[in-house]
Amino acid sequence: MLELVKQNLRITGTDIDAELTARINAALADLGVAGVTNLETTDPLIQQAVITYCKIHTGMPDDASAKRLQASYDEQKAQLSMHTGHTEW
């Protein structure tokens, strides 16, 4: 998952790997709090949500970009929390 996030954020090198790993773990925990129980990191929907979360919290996106990314992540999280393949009803 780390390499996928780095690729999507266009990050090379290993200088912030620990920071990115913490953000990945925070994203997965946030999804879990929202009720997502299937957090398989090979699932493309989980991957996209984690990537979006990391984009919000890495670097300094301008206000418009940050709001757009936050809205996108919130929608992804809401969809995952309602999807029977990602929750236990």
PDB file of N, CA and C in Angstrom:
ATOM      1  N   MET A   1       0.817  -1.188   0.000  1.00  0.00           N
ATOM      2  CA  MET A   1       0.000   0.000   0.000  1.00  0.00           C
ATOM      3  C   MET A   1       0.868   1.261   0.000  1.00  0.00           C
ATOM      4  N   LEU A   2       1.976   1.208   0.717  1.00  0.00           N
ATOM      5  CA  LEU A   2       2.871   2.363   0.781  1.00  0.00           C
ATOM      6  C   LEU A   2       3.352   2.752  -0.614  1.00  0.00           C
ATOM      7  N   GLU A   3       3.775   1.786  -1.390  1.00  0.00           N
ATOM      8  CA  GLU A   3       4.283   2.088  -2.738  1.00  0.00           C
ATOM      9  C   GLU A   3       3.185   2.661  -3.628  1.00  0.00           C
ATOM     10  N   LEU A   4       1.973   2.161  -3.496  1.00  0.00           N
ATOM     11  CA  LEU A   4       0.847   2.673  -4.271  1.00  0.00           C
ATOM     12  C   LEU A   4       0.550   4.128  -3.907  1.00  0.00           C
ATOM     13  N   VAL A   5       0.555   4.420  -2.630  1.00  0.00           N
ATOM     14  CA  VAL A   5       0.315   5.797  -2.182  1.00  0.00           C
ATOM     15  C   VAL A   5       1.429   6.711  -2.691  1.00  0.00           C
ATOM     16  N   LYS A   6       2.669   6.282  -2.555  1.00  0.00           N
ATOM     17  CA  LYS A   6       3.788   7.100  -3.021  1.00  0.00           C
ATOM     18  C   LYS A   6       3.680   7.361  -4.517  1.00  0.00           C
ATOM     19  N   GLN A   7       3.322   6.345  -5.267  1.00  0.00           N
ATOM     20  CA  GLN A   7       3.177   6.497  -6.713  1.00  0.00           C
ATOM     21  C   GLN A   7       2.096   7.527  -7.038  1.00  0.00           C
ATOM     22  N   ASN A   8       0.967   7.465  -6.353  1.00  0.00           N
ATOM     23  CA  ASN A   8      -0.132   8.391  -6.620  1.00  0.00           C
ATOM     24  C   ASN A   8       0.157   9.809  -6.143  1.00  0.00           C
ATOM     25  N   LEU A   9       1.000   9.941  -5.129  1.00  0.00           N
ATOM     26  CA  LEU A   9       1.395  11.264  -4.659  1.00  0.00           C
ATOM     27  C   LEU A   9       2.644  11.774  -5.373  1.00  0.00           C
ATOM     28  N   ARG A  10       3.148  10.953  -6.273  1.00  0.00           N
ATOM     29  CA  ARG A  10       4.360  11.280  -7.045  1.00  0.00           C
ATOM     30  C   ARG A  10       5.548  11.560  -6.125  1.00  0.00           C
ATOM     31  N   ILE A  11       5.720  10.646  -5.166  1.00  0.00           N
ATOM     32  CA  ILE A  11       6.812  10.754  -4.202  1.00  0.00           C
ATOM     33  C   ILE A  11       7.817   9.650  -4.485  1.00  0.00           C
ATOM     34  N   THR A  12       9.080  10.031  -4.585  1.00  0.00           N
ATOM     35  CA  THR A  12      10.147   9.052  -4.727  1.00  0.00           C
ATOM     36  C   THR A  12      11.021   9.132  -3.479  1.00  0.00           C
ATOM     37  N   GLY A  13      11.799   8.137  -3.280  1.00  0.00           N
ATOM     38  CA  GLY A  13      12.657   8.132  -2.099  1.00  0.00           C
ATOM     39  C   GLY A  13      11.910   7.602  -0.892  1.00  0.00           C
ATOM     40  N   THR A  14      12.625   7.578   0.223  1.00  0.00           N
ATOM     41  CA  THR A  14      12.069   6.980   1.438  1.00  0.00           C
ATOM     42  C   THR A  14      12.030   7.944   2.622  1.00  0.00           C
ATOM     43  N   ASP A  15      12.310   9.209   2.381  1.00  0.00           N
ATOM     44  CA  ASP A  15      12.413  10.178   3.472  1.00  0.00           C
ATOM     45  C   ASP A  15      11.152  10.280   4.333  1.00  0.00           C
ATOM     46  N   ILE A  16       9.977  10.158   3.718  1.00  0.00           N
ATOM     47  CA  ILE A  16       8.747  10.320   4.504  1.00  0.00           C
ATOM     48  C   ILE A  16       7.929   9.026   4.569  1.00  0.00           C
ATOM     49  N   ASP A  17       8.584   7.892   4.385  1.00  0.00           N
ATOM     50  CA  ASP A  17       7.870   6.611   4.436  1.00  0.00           C
ATOM     51  C   ASP A  17       7.159   6.393   5.766  1.00  0.00           C
ATOM     52  N   ALA A  18       7.801   6.734   6.870  1.00  0.00           N
ATOM     53  CA  ALA A  18       7.168   6.550   8.179  1.00  0.00           C
ATOM     54  C   ALA A  18       5.927   7.434   8.308  1.00  0.00           C
ATOM     55  N   GLU A  19       6.021   8.652   7.832  1.00  0.00           N
ATOM     56  CA  GLU A  19       4.886   9.575   7.868  1.00  0.00           C
ATOM     57  C   GLU A  19       3.736   9.049   7.008  1.00  0.00           C
ATOM     58  N   LEU A  20       4.057   8.583   5.808  1.00  0.00           N
ATOM     59  CA  LEU A  20       3.025   8.041   4.920  1.00  0.00           C
ATOM     60  C   LEU A  20       2.406   6.768   5.494  1.00  0.00           C
ATOM     61  N   THR A  21       3.212   5.930   6.096  1.00  0.00           N
ATOM     62  CA  THR A  21       2.690   4.707   6.715  1.00  0.00           C
ATOM     63  C   THR A  21       1.716   5.060   7.839  1.00  0.00           C
ATOM     64  N   ALA A  22       2.050   6.079   8.614  1.00  0.00           N
ATOM     65  CA  ALA A  22       1.144   6.529   9.674  1.00  0.00           C
ATOM     66  C   ALA A  22      -0.162   7.046   9.086  1.00  0.00           C
ATOM     67  N   ARG A  23      -0.091   7.745   7.975  1.00  0.00           N
ATOM     68  CA  ARG A  23      -1.305   8.273   7.335  1.00  0.00           C
ATOM     69  C   ARG A  23      -2.150   7.145   6.754  1.00  0.00           C
ATOM     70  N   ILE A  24      -1.495   6.153   6.181  1.00  0.00           N
ATOM     71  CA  ILE A  24      -2.219   4.985   5.667  1.00  0.00           C
ATOM     72  C   ILE A  24      -2.963   4.303   6.813  1.00  0.00           C
ATOM     73  N   ASN A  25      -2.278   4.107   7.926  1.00  0.00           N
ATOM     74  CA  ASN A  25      -2.904   3.478   9.090  1.00  0.00           C
ATOM     75  C   ASN A  25      -4.047   4.334   9.639  1.00  0.00           C
ATOM     76  N   ALA A  26      -3.878   5.641   9.621  1.00  0.00           N
ATOM     77  CA  ALA A  26      -4.939   6.537  10.083  1.00  0.00           C
ATOM     78  C   ALA A  26      -6.152   6.460   9.155  1.00  0.00           C
ATOM     79  N   ALA A  27      -5.906   6.388   7.866  1.00  0.00           N
ATOM     80  CA  ALA A  27      -7.010   6.275   6.902  1.00  0.00           C
ATOM     81  C   ALA A  27      -7.788   4.981   7.132  1.00  0.00           C
ATOM     82  N   LEU A  28      -7.074   3.883   7.306  1.00  0.00           N
ATOM     83  CA  LEU A  28      -7.733   2.600   7.545  1.00  0.00           C
ATOM     84  C   LEU A  28      -8.507   2.628   8.865  1.00  0.00           C
ATOM     85  N   ALA A  29      -7.935   3.249   9.880  1.00  0.00           N
ATOM     86  CA  ALA A  29      -8.629   3.369  11.164  1.00  0.00           C
ATOM     87  C   ALA A  29      -9.879   4.236  11.019  1.00  0.00           C
ATOM     88  N   ASP A  30      -9.788   5.324  10.270  1.00  0.00           N
ATOM     89  CA  ASP A  30     -10.926   6.207  10.058  1.00  0.00           C
ATOM     90  C   ASP A  30     -12.050   5.466   9.337  1.00  0.00           C
ATOM     91  N   LEU A  31     -11.695   4.671   8.351  1.00  0.00           N
ATOM     92  CA  LEU A  31     -12.706   3.869   7.659  1.00  0.00           C
ATOM     93  C   LEU A  31     -13.341   2.874   8.619  1.00  0.00           C
ATOM     94  N   GLY A  32     -12.527   2.290   9.489  1.00  0.00           N
ATOM     95  CA  GLY A  32     -13.039   1.353  10.480  1.00  0.00           C
ATOM     96  C   GLY A  32     -14.020   2.009  11.432  1.00  0.00           C
ATOM     97  N   VAL A  33     -13.713   3.225  11.869  1.00  0.00           N
ATOM     98  CA  VAL A  33     -14.609   3.970  12.752  1.00  0.00           C
ATOM     99  C   VAL A  33     -15.951   4.233  12.051  1.00  0.00           C
ATOM    100  N   ALA A  34     -15.900   4.405  10.738  1.00  0.00           N
ATOM    101  CA  ALA A  34     -17.121   4.664   9.960  1.00  0.00           C
ATOM    102  C   ALA A  34     -17.935   3.390   9.728  1.00  0.00           C
ATOM    103  N   GLY A  35     -17.405   2.244  10.185  1.00  0.00           N
ATOM    104  CA  GLY A  35     -18.145   1.000  10.052  1.00  0.00           C
ATOM    105  C   GLY A  35     -17.679   0.076   8.950  1.00  0.00           C
ATOM    106  N   VAL A  36     -16.619   0.454   8.273  1.00  0.00           N
ATOM    107  CA  VAL A  36     -16.087  -0.406   7.221  1.00  0.00           C
ATOM    108  C   VAL A  36     -15.306  -1.527   7.890  1.00  0.00           C
ATOM    109  N   THR A  37     -15.725  -2.759   7.666  1.00  0.00           N
ATOM    110  CA  THR A  37     -15.072  -3.892   8.321  1.00  0.00           C
ATOM    111  C   THR A  37     -14.145  -4.649   7.387  1.00  0.00           C
ATOM    112  N   ASN A  38     -14.382  -4.568   6.096  1.00  0.00           N
ATOM    113  CA  ASN A  38     -13.492  -5.217   5.128  1.00  0.00           C
ATOM    114  C   ASN A  38     -12.476  -4.176   4.664  1.00  0.00           C
ATOM    115  N   LEU A  39     -11.315  -4.179   5.281  1.00  0.00           N
ATOM    116  CA  LEU A  39     -10.271  -3.198   4.985  1.00  0.00           C
ATOM    117  C   LEU A  39      -9.123  -3.833   4.204  1.00  0.00           C
ATOM    118  N   GLU A  40      -9.452  -4.757   3.320  1.00  0.00           N
ATOM    119  CA  GLU A  40      -8.445  -5.449   2.511  1.00  0.00           C
ATOM    120  C   GLU A  40      -7.736  -4.432   1.615  1.00  0.00           C
ATOM    121  N   THR A  41      -6.454  -4.291   1.799  1.00  0.00           N
ATOM    122  CA  THR A  41      -5.705  -3.247   1.087  1.00  0.00           C
ATOM    123  C   THR A  41      -5.468  -3.561  -0.388  1.00  0.00           C
ATOM    124  N   THR A  42      -5.903  -4.720  -0.855  1.00  0.00           N
ATOM    125  CA  THR A  42      -5.840  -5.010  -2.288  1.00  0.00           C
ATOM    126  C   THR A  42      -7.141  -4.621  -2.986  1.00  0.00           C
ATOM    127  N   ASP A  43      -8.140  -4.235  -2.221  1.00  0.00           N
ATOM    128  CA  ASP A  43      -9.433  -3.809  -2.772  1.00  0.00           C
ATOM    129  C   ASP A  43      -9.269  -2.421  -3.390  1.00  0.00           C
ATOM    130  N   PRO A  44      -9.609  -2.253  -4.658  1.00  0.00           N
ATOM    131  CA  PRO A  44      -9.417  -0.951  -5.308  1.00  0.00           C
ATOM    132  C   PRO A  44     -10.195   0.190  -4.648  1.00  0.00           C
ATOM    133  N   LEU A  45     -11.352  -0.091  -4.080  1.00  0.00           N
ATOM    134  CA  LEU A  45     -12.117   0.972  -3.420  1.00  0.00           C
ATOM    135  C   LEU A  45     -11.440   1.423  -2.129  1.00  0.00           C
ATOM    136  N   ILE A  46     -10.901   0.482  -1.386  1.00  0.00           N
ATOM    137  CA  ILE A  46     -10.142   0.821  -0.174  1.00  0.00           C
ATOM    138  C   ILE A  46      -8.881   1.579  -0.565  1.00  0.00           C
ATOM    139  N   GLN A  47      -8.199   1.110  -1.584  1.00  0.00           N
ATOM    140  CA  GLN A  47      -6.989   1.784  -2.041  1.00  0.00           C
ATOM    141  C   GLN A  47      -7.277   3.233  -2.412  1.00  0.00           C
ATOM    142  N   GLN A  48      -8.347   3.463  -3.162  1.00  0.00           N
ATOM    143  CA  GLN A  48      -8.657   4.829  -3.590  1.00  0.00           C
ATOM    144  C   GLN A  48      -8.986   5.723  -2.413  1.00  0.00           C
ATOM    145  N   ALA A  49      -9.724   5.202  -1.438  1.00  0.00           N
ATOM    146  CA  ALA A  49     -10.044   6.000  -0.248  1.00  0.00           C
ATOM    147  C   ALA A  49      -8.772   6.358   0.516  1.00  0.00           C
ATOM    148  N   VAL A  50      -7.868   5.403   0.672  1.00  0.00           N
ATOM    149  CA  VAL A  50      -6.616   5.654   1.389  1.00  0.00           C
ATOM    150  C   VAL A  50      -5.766   6.674   0.633  1.00  0.00           C
ATOM    151  N   ILE A  51      -5.693   6.540  -0.668  1.00  0.00           N
ATOM    152  CA  ILE A  51      -4.926   7.494  -1.482  1.00  0.00           C
ATOM    153  C   ILE A  51      -5.495   8.900  -1.316  1.00  0.00           C
ATOM    154  N   THR A  52      -6.809   9.018  -1.385  1.00  0.00           N
ATOM    155  CA  THR A  52      -7.448  10.332  -1.238  1.00  0.00           C
ATOM    156  C   THR A  52      -7.160  10.920   0.133  1.00  0.00           C
ATOM    157  N   TYR A  53      -7.274  10.101   1.180  1.00  0.00           N
ATOM    158  CA  TYR A  53      -6.972  10.553   2.541  1.00  0.00           C
ATOM    159  C   TYR A  53      -5.535  11.072   2.622  1.00  0.00           C
ATOM    160  N   CYS A  54      -4.617  10.328   2.044  1.00  0.00           N
ATOM    161  CA  CYS A  54      -3.207  10.731   2.091  1.00  0.00           C
ATOM    162  C   CYS A  54      -2.958  12.007   1.300  1.00  0.00           C
ATOM    163  N   LYS A  55      -3.677  12.196   0.201  1.00  0.00           N
ATOM    164  CA  LYS A  55      -3.536  13.434  -0.567  1.00  0.00           C
ATOM    165  C   LYS A  55      -3.980  14.639   0.255  1.00  0.00           C
ATOM    166  N   ILE A  56      -5.023  14.465   1.050  1.00  0.00           N
ATOM    167  CA  ILE A  56      -5.508  15.565   1.888  1.00  0.00           C
ATOM    168  C   ILE A  56      -4.464  15.949   2.922  1.00  0.00           C
ATOM    169  N   HIS A  57      -3.819  14.948   3.508  1.00  0.00           N
ATOM    170  CA  HIS A  57      -2.960  15.170   4.670  1.00  0.00           C
ATOM    171  C   HIS A  57      -1.467  15.195   4.370  1.00  0.00           C
ATOM    172  N   THR A  58      -1.109  15.225   3.104  1.00  0.00           N
ATOM    173  CA  THR A  58       0.307  15.280   2.729  1.00  0.00           C
ATOM    174  C   THR A  58       0.549  16.539   1.916  1.00  0.00           C
ATOM    175  N   GLY A  59       1.573  17.265   2.271  1.00  0.00           N
ATOM    176  CA  GLY A  59       1.864  18.504   1.567  1.00  0.00           C
ATOM    177  C   GLY A  59       0.945  19.611   2.039  1.00  0.00           C
ATOM    178  N   MET A  60       0.803  20.603   1.226  1.00  0.00           N
ATOM    179  CA  MET A  60      -0.017  21.757   1.568  1.00  0.00           C
ATOM    180  C   MET A  60      -0.973  22.064   0.410  1.00  0.00           C
ATOM    181  N   PRO A  61      -2.039  21.249   0.245  1.00  0.00           N
ATOM    182  CA  PRO A  61      -2.965  21.572  -0.843  1.00  0.00           C
ATOM    183  C   PRO A  61      -3.657  22.904  -0.580  1.00  0.00           C
ATOM    184  N   ASP A  62      -3.923  23.642  -1.668  1.00  0.00           N
ATOM    185  CA  ASP A  62      -4.628  24.911  -1.481  1.00  0.00           C
ATOM    186  C   ASP A  62      -6.035  24.624  -0.959  1.00  0.00           C
ATOM    187  N   ASP A  63      -6.700  25.656  -0.465  1.00  0.00           N
ATOM    188  CA  ASP A  63      -8.003  25.479   0.179  1.00  0.00           C
ATOM    189  C   ASP A  63      -9.022  24.800  -0.731  1.00  0.00           C
ATOM    190  N   ALA A  64      -9.071  25.219  -1.985  1.00  0.00           N
ATOM    191  CA  ALA A  64     -10.047  24.641  -2.913  1.00  0.00           C
ATOM    192  C   ALA A  64      -9.764  23.159  -3.136  1.00  0.00           C
ATOM    193  N   SER A  65      -8.502  22.813  -3.323  1.00  0.00           N
ATOM    194  CA  SER A  65      -8.142  21.409  -3.522  1.00  0.00           C
ATOM    195  C   SER A  65      -8.413  20.587  -2.275  1.00  0.00           C
ATOM    196  N   ALA A  66      -8.088  21.136  -1.122  1.00  0.00           N
ATOM    197  CA  ALA A  66      -8.309  20.422   0.130  1.00  0.00           C
ATOM    198  C   ALA A  66      -9.795  20.157   0.346  1.00  0.00           C
ATOM    199  N   LYS A  67     -10.632  21.136   0.076  1.00  0.00           N
ATOM    200  CA  LYS A  67     -12.074  20.953   0.229  1.00  0.00           C
ATOM    201  C   LYS A  67     -12.612  19.909  -0.747  1.00  0.00           C
ATOM    202  N   ARG A  68     -12.137  19.957  -1.980  1.00  0.00           N
ATOM    203  CA  ARG A  68     -12.568  18.995  -2.995  1.00  0.00           C
ATOM    204  C   ARG A  68     -12.141  17.594  -2.612  1.00  0.00           C
ATOM    205  N   LEU A  69     -10.902  17.438  -2.168  1.00  0.00           N
ATOM    206  CA  LEU A  69     -10.403  16.128  -1.744  1.00  0.00           C
ATOM    207  C   LEU A  69     -11.143  15.624  -0.508  1.00  0.00           C
ATOM    208  N   GLN A  70     -11.422  16.509   0.446  1.00  0.00           N
ATOM    209  CA  GLN A  70     -12.148  16.100   1.651  1.00  0.00           C
ATOM    210  C   GLN A  70     -13.553  15.629   1.297  1.00  0.00           C
ATOM    211  N   ALA A  71     -14.217  16.360   0.414  1.00  0.00           N
ATOM    212  CA  ALA A  71     -15.562  15.961  -0.009  1.00  0.00           C
ATOM    213  C   ALA A  71     -15.518  14.607  -0.718  1.00  0.00           C
ATOM    214  N   SER A  72     -14.503  14.401  -1.531  1.00  0.00           N
ATOM    215  CA  SER A  72     -14.345  13.129  -2.233  1.00  0.00           C
ATOM    216  C   SER A  72     -14.118  11.991  -1.247  1.00  0.00           C
ATOM    217  N   TYR A  73     -13.227  12.201  -0.280  1.00  0.00           N
ATOM    218  CA  TYR A  73     -12.964  11.165   0.719  1.00  0.00           C
ATOM    219  C   TYR A  73     -14.211  10.869   1.549  1.00  0.00           C
ATOM    220  N   ASP A  74     -14.919  11.914   1.963  1.00  0.00           N
ATOM    221  CA  ASP A  74     -16.127  11.716   2.761  1.00  0.00           C
ATOM    222  C   ASP A  74     -17.158  10.892   1.992  1.00  0.00           C
ATOM    223  N   GLU A  75     -17.297  11.155   0.705  1.00  0.00           N
ATOM    224  CA  GLU A  75     -18.230  10.386  -0.129  1.00  0.00           C
ATOM    225  C   GLU A  75     -17.768   8.935  -0.263  1.00  0.00           C
ATOM    226  N   GLN A  76     -16.488   8.729  -0.501  1.00  0.00           N
ATOM    227  CA  GLN A  76     -15.955   7.364  -0.603  1.00  0.00           C
ATOM    228  C   GLN A  76     -16.197   6.598   0.698  1.00  0.00           C
ATOM    229  N   LYS A  77     -15.929   7.251   1.817  1.00  0.00           N
ATOM    230  CA  LYS A  77     -16.109   6.622   3.125  1.00  0.00           C
ATOM    231  C   LYS A  77     -17.581   6.276   3.352  1.00  0.00           C
ATOM    232  N   ALA A  78     -18.475   7.192   3.002  1.00  0.00           N
ATOM    233  CA  ALA A  78     -19.908   6.948   3.179  1.00  0.00           C
ATOM    234  C   ALA A  78     -20.365   5.773   2.313  1.00  0.00           C
ATOM    235  N   GLN A  79     -19.898   5.732   1.091  1.00  0.00           N
ATOM    236  CA  GLN A  79     -20.283   4.631   0.197  1.00  0.00           C
ATOM    237  C   GLN A  79     -19.767   3.304   0.729  1.00  0.00           C
ATOM    238  N   LEU A  80     -18.522   3.268   1.172  1.00  0.00           N
ATOM    239  CA  LEU A  80     -17.956   2.032   1.713  1.00  0.00           C
ATOM    240  C   LEU A  80     -18.686   1.594   2.973  1.00  0.00           C
ATOM    241  N   SER A  81     -19.090   2.545   3.804  1.00  0.00           N
ATOM    242  CA  SER A  81     -19.755   2.183   5.058  1.00  0.00           C
ATOM    243  C   SER A  81     -21.165   1.651   4.836  1.00  0.00           C
ATOM    244  N   MET A  82     -21.722   1.851   3.649  1.00  0.00           N
ATOM    245  CA  MET A  82     -23.059   1.352   3.331  1.00  0.00           C
ATOM    246  C   MET A  82     -23.040   0.124   2.435  1.00  0.00           C
ATOM    247  N   HIS A  83     -21.888  -0.211   1.898  1.00  0.00           N
ATOM    248  CA  HIS A  83     -21.779  -1.318   0.947  1.00  0.00           C
ATOM    249  C   HIS A  83     -21.689  -2.649   1.671  1.00  0.00           C
ATOM    250  N   THR A  84     -22.534  -3.584   1.324  1.00  0.00           N
ATOM    251  CA  THR A  84     -22.579  -4.862   2.030  1.00  0.00           C
ATOM    252  C   THR A  84     -21.288  -5.653   1.895  1.00  0.00           C
ATOM    253  N   GLY A  85     -20.510  -5.402   0.872  1.00  0.00           N
ATOM    254  CA  GLY A  85     -19.240  -6.096   0.715  1.00  0.00           C
ATOM    255  C   GLY A  85     -18.134  -5.555   1.601  1.00  0.00           C
ATOM    256  N   HIS A  86     -18.406  -4.422   2.228  1.00  0.00           N
ATOM    257  CA  HIS A  86     -17.388  -3.785   3.067  1.00  0.00           C
ATOM    258  C   HIS A  86     -17.816  -3.614   4.514  1.00  0.00           C
ATOM    259  N   THR A  87     -19.025  -4.025   4.829  1.00  0.00           N
ATOM    260  CA  THR A  87     -19.524  -3.912   6.198  1.00  0.00           C
ATOM    261  C   THR A  87     -20.168  -5.219   6.612  1.00  0.00           C
ATOM    262  N   GLU A  88     -20.436  -5.331   7.880  1.00  0.00           N
ATOM    263  CA  GLU A  88     -21.163  -6.490   8.400  1.00  0.00           C
ATOM    264  C   GLU A  88     -22.520  -6.010   8.897  1.00  0.00           C
ATOM    265  N   TRP A  89     -23.558  -6.348   8.184  1.00  0.00           N
ATOM    266  CA  TRP A  89     -24.906  -5.902   8.567  1.00  0.00           C
ATOM    267  C   TRP A  89     -25.577  -6.933   9.394  1.00  0.00           C
TER     268      TRP A  89
END
